[in-house]
Amino acid sequence: MHCAGELVIDGKTLEHVLGTPLEPLLAQLGSQCGSVVICRASPSQKAAIVRMMAEFEVRSSLSRTCFLTFRVLMYWVHLPHSQALTAC
């Protein structure tokens, strides 16, 4: 299932989700969104998101939707901080 909406999540929220039982729910939600924007996140949080989505992609049969979301996340991880702010 794919929703037309977008997801914006910040580093403060990621502090409460990453490394908890909520992580798979975030991966599932992100895979169903048209785009995902991660803002004000540390480099380690961005790396954790990429790992989380890669693991979700392996376990998921929704590979097309998940792959697109994963590509969006990879784009944001590789953007320098100043470019990420101007891209928003």
Protein backbone atom coordinates (compact mmCIF):
# COMPACT_ATOMS: atom_id res chain seq x y z
CA MET A 1 0.00 0.00 0.00
CA HIS A 2 1.29 3.45 -0.92
CA CYS A 3 -0.03 6.69 0.52
CA ALA A 4 0.19 10.00 -1.27
CA GLY A 5 1.47 11.77 1.83
CA GLU A 6 4.94 12.75 2.89
CA LEU A 7 6.71 12.15 6.18
CA VAL A 8 8.92 14.73 7.90
CA ILE A 9 10.78 13.52 10.97
CA ASP A 10 13.40 15.29 13.07
CA GLY A 11 16.35 14.13 15.12
CA LYS A 12 14.57 14.66 18.43
CA THR A 13 11.81 12.27 17.36
CA LEU A 14 14.37 9.77 16.08
CA GLU A 15 15.91 9.71 19.57
CA HIS A 16 12.66 8.15 20.82
CA VAL A 17 12.24 5.68 17.95
CA LEU A 18 15.64 4.34 16.89
CA GLY A 19 16.73 1.28 18.83
CA THR A 20 13.23 0.63 20.18
CA PRO A 21 10.36 -1.67 19.17
CA LEU A 22 8.93 1.33 17.28
CA GLU A 23 11.70 1.15 14.67
CA PRO A 24 9.93 -1.39 12.39
CA LEU A 25 6.78 0.72 12.51
CA LEU A 26 8.73 3.78 11.34
CA ALA A 27 10.27 1.73 8.52
CA GLN A 28 6.84 0.51 7.46
CA LEU A 29 5.37 4.01 7.58
CA GLY A 30 8.28 5.46 5.63
CA SER A 31 7.97 2.80 2.95
CA GLN A 32 4.34 3.76 2.40
CA CYS A 33 4.98 7.49 1.96
CA GLY A 34 5.63 9.30 -1.28
CA SER A 35 8.69 10.96 0.24
CA VAL A 36 10.50 11.09 3.56
CA VAL A 37 12.44 14.11 4.83
CA ILE A 38 14.82 13.73 7.75
CA CYS A 39 15.84 17.05 9.30
CA ARG A 40 18.02 18.13 12.22
CA ALA A 41 19.38 14.60 12.59
CA SER A 42 22.92 13.63 13.53
CA PRO A 43 25.09 11.71 11.06
CA SER A 44 24.72 8.59 13.25
CA GLN A 45 20.91 8.93 13.17
CA LYS A 46 20.97 9.27 9.38
CA ALA A 47 23.14 6.17 9.12
CA ALA A 48 20.77 4.30 11.45
CA ILE A 49 17.81 5.26 9.22
CA VAL A 50 19.59 3.98 6.11
CA ARG A 51 20.44 0.69 7.89
CA MET A 52 16.87 0.40 9.19
CA MET A 53 15.39 0.89 5.71
CA ALA A 54 17.89 -1.55 4.15
CA GLU A 55 16.91 -4.22 6.69
CA PHE A 56 13.24 -3.46 6.10
CA GLU A 57 13.73 -3.74 2.35
CA VAL A 58 15.24 -7.21 2.74
CA ARG A 59 12.31 -8.35 4.90
CA SER A 60 9.63 -6.64 2.86
CA SER A 61 7.84 -7.81 -0.23
CA LEU A 62 7.05 -4.17 -1.06
CA SER A 63 10.45 -3.77 -2.69
CA ARG A 64 9.48 -1.11 -5.23
CA THR A 65 7.93 1.32 -2.72
CA CYS A 66 10.63 0.64 -0.16
CA PHE A 67 13.40 1.06 -2.73
CA LEU A 68 12.11 4.50 -3.71
CA THR A 69 11.88 5.59 -0.07
CA PHE A 70 15.35 4.19 0.58
CA ARG A 71 16.72 6.20 -2.38
CA VAL A 72 15.19 9.39 -0.95
CA LEU A 73 16.80 8.68 2.42
CA MET A 74 20.17 7.97 0.80
CA TYR A 75 19.93 11.32 -1.03
CA TRP A 76 19.38 13.17 2.24
CA VAL A 77 22.17 11.33 4.03
CA HIS A 78 24.69 12.36 1.38
CA LEU A 79 23.64 16.03 1.20
CA PRO A 80 25.91 18.43 3.10
CA HIS A 81 24.04 20.12 5.96
CA SER A 82 23.95 23.55 4.23
CA GLN A 83 22.46 22.08 1.04
CA ALA A 84 19.87 20.11 3.01
CA LEU A 85 18.65 23.33 4.60
CA THR A 86 18.31 25.13 1.28
CA ALA A 87 16.61 22.10 -0.32
CA CYS A 88 13.80 22.09 2.26
